[in-house]
Each structure stands twice: as C-alpha cells, then as structure tokens.
Amino acid sequence: MANGKKNIVFFLPSFEIGGAERNTLKLLSSLSAEDYSLSLVLSKKKAVLSMKFPIAWRLLTLGPTVI
C-alpha cells in the first residue's frame, strides 16, 4: 500500500467464458482503480476473455498461455 491504494487480488483457475468469470469481470470493473490496485491471478491464461482487461489491472498467469 505504498501508493495509498488497497491491494485486491482475485484468483481463478482460468478465464474462459463462464458465469464465474463474467461475474469476476463485473466485480473488478465496479471497483475504482483510484482506490484499489487490482490484480487477477490465473492458473492458466486463455485468450478468450483476457483481451477485455483494462490496463489498470494486473493480470498474472502461473502456468502456460493457451490459445
């Protein structure tokens, strides 16, 4: 919290098209980037929904990228 923002990290196994993924995207979108430093950690990255991420969010992948 060096910049005064609270850090929030979400974890999902992957970010394919599904209800949990869409709701996580909505939740992240509802949080202010001015107040929070937002990160999403994925076990594996699929290119389906990852293209919809604002630049202000950090997207971290633990495993390989799958296209």
C-alpha atoms as a PDB file:
ATOM      1  CA  MET A   1       0.000   0.000   0.000  1.00  0.00           C
ATOM      2  CA  ALA A   2       2.892   2.349  -0.702  1.00  0.00           C
ATOM      3  CA  ASN A   3       0.754   4.416  -3.076  1.00  0.00           C
ATOM      4  CA  GLY A   4      -2.174   4.642  -0.640  1.00  0.00           C
ATOM      5  CA  LYS A   5      -4.264   2.126  -2.574  1.00  0.00           C
ATOM      6  CA  LYS A   6      -5.547  -1.113  -1.112  1.00  0.00           C
ATOM      7  CA  ASN A   7      -4.378  -4.220  -2.955  1.00  0.00           C
ATOM      8  CA  ILE A   8      -7.048  -6.684  -4.041  1.00  0.00           C
ATOM      9  CA  VAL A   9      -6.085  -9.974  -5.677  1.00  0.00           C
ATOM     10  CA  PHE A  10      -8.579 -12.362  -7.278  1.00  0.00           C
ATOM     11  CA  PHE A  11      -7.682 -15.942  -8.221  1.00  0.00           C
ATOM     12  CA  LEU A  12      -9.343 -18.091 -10.892  1.00  0.00           C
ATOM     13  CA  PRO A  13      -8.136 -21.364 -12.403  1.00  0.00           C
ATOM     14  CA  SER A  14      -8.602 -19.906 -15.899  1.00  0.00           C
ATOM     15  CA  PHE A  15     -10.525 -17.119 -17.583  1.00  0.00           C
ATOM     16  CA  GLU A  16     -12.683 -18.918 -20.097  1.00  0.00           C
ATOM     17  CA  ILE A  17     -16.225 -17.840 -20.895  1.00  0.00           C
ATOM     18  CA  GLY A  18     -18.452 -18.744 -17.955  1.00  0.00           C
ATOM     19  CA  GLY A  19     -20.587 -17.304 -15.177  1.00  0.00           C
ATOM     20  CA  ALA A  20     -17.883 -17.086 -12.525  1.00  0.00           C
ATOM     21  CA  GLU A  21     -15.527 -15.386 -14.963  1.00  0.00           C
ATOM     22  CA  ARG A  22     -18.130 -12.873 -16.136  1.00  0.00           C
ATOM     23  CA  ASN A  23     -19.095 -12.045 -12.538  1.00  0.00           C
ATOM     24  CA  THR A  24     -15.447 -11.608 -11.554  1.00  0.00           C
ATOM     25  CA  LEU A  25     -15.007  -9.241 -14.507  1.00  0.00           C
ATOM     26  CA  LYS A  26     -18.097  -7.259 -13.396  1.00  0.00           C
ATOM     27  CA  LEU A  27     -16.841  -7.105  -9.806  1.00  0.00           C
ATOM     28  CA  LEU A  28     -13.384  -5.916 -10.861  1.00  0.00           C
ATOM     29  CA  SER A  29     -14.986  -3.332 -13.159  1.00  0.00           C
ATOM     30  CA  SER A  30     -17.077  -1.953 -10.307  1.00  0.00           C
ATOM     31  CA  LEU A  31     -14.027  -1.200  -8.152  1.00  0.00           C
ATOM     32  CA  SER A  32     -12.291   2.143  -8.569  1.00  0.00           C
ATOM     33  CA  ALA A  33      -8.725   1.971  -9.916  1.00  0.00           C
ATOM     34  CA  GLU A  34      -8.112   5.211  -7.992  1.00  0.00           C
ATOM     35  CA  ASP A  35      -8.785   3.489  -4.657  1.00  0.00           C
ATOM     36  CA  TYR A  36      -7.603  -0.070  -5.351  1.00  0.00           C
ATOM     37  CA  SER A  37      -4.705  -1.817  -7.006  1.00  0.00           C
ATOM     38  CA  LEU A  38      -6.453  -4.719  -8.758  1.00  0.00           C
ATOM     39  CA  SER A  39      -4.820  -7.999  -9.771  1.00  0.00           C
ATOM     40  CA  LEU A  40      -6.177 -11.197 -11.256  1.00  0.00           C
ATOM     41  CA  VAL A  41      -4.108 -14.352 -10.881  1.00  0.00           C
ATOM     42  CA  LEU A  42      -4.852 -17.270 -13.222  1.00  0.00           C
ATOM     43  CA  SER A  43      -3.552 -20.845 -13.148  1.00  0.00           C
ATOM     44  CA  LYS A  44      -3.550 -20.773 -16.936  1.00  0.00           C
ATOM     45  CA  LYS A  45      -4.330 -17.985 -19.355  1.00  0.00           C
ATOM     46  CA  LYS A  46      -6.706 -18.467 -22.244  1.00  0.00           C
ATOM     47  CA  ALA A  47      -7.011 -15.682 -24.780  1.00  0.00           C
ATOM     48  CA  VAL A  48     -10.835 -15.632 -24.744  1.00  0.00           C
ATOM     49  CA  LEU A  49     -11.669 -13.048 -22.052  1.00  0.00           C
ATOM     50  CA  SER A  50      -8.183 -11.806 -21.212  1.00  0.00           C
ATOM     51  CA  MET A  51      -8.407  -9.238 -24.020  1.00  0.00           C
ATOM     52  CA  LYS A  52     -11.142  -7.380 -22.075  1.00  0.00           C
ATOM     53  CA  PHE A  53      -8.816  -6.287 -19.261  1.00  0.00           C
ATOM     54  CA  PRO A  54      -8.265  -2.582 -18.634  1.00  0.00           C
ATOM     55  CA  ILE A  55      -4.626  -1.515 -18.497  1.00  0.00           C
ATOM     56  CA  ALA A  56      -5.031  -0.513 -14.821  1.00  0.00           C
ATOM     57  CA  TRP A  57      -5.445  -4.172 -13.782  1.00  0.00           C
ATOM     58  CA  ARG A  58      -2.560  -6.584 -13.341  1.00  0.00           C
ATOM     59  CA  LEU A  59      -3.028  -9.962 -14.994  1.00  0.00           C
ATOM     60  CA  LEU A  60      -0.698 -12.660 -13.682  1.00  0.00           C
ATOM     61  CA  THR A  61      -0.503 -16.196 -15.024  1.00  0.00           C
ATOM     62  CA  LEU A  62       1.027 -19.051 -13.033  1.00  0.00           C
ATOM     63  CA  GLY A  63       1.012 -21.572 -15.879  1.00  0.00           C
ATOM     64  CA  PRO A  64       1.313 -21.590 -19.659  1.00  0.00           C
ATOM     65  CA  THR A  65      -0.717 -19.429 -22.015  1.00  0.00           C
ATOM     66  CA  VAL A  66      -3.245 -21.453 -24.015  1.00  0.00           C
ATOM     67  CA  ILE A  67      -4.657 -20.002 -27.221  1.00  0.00           C
END
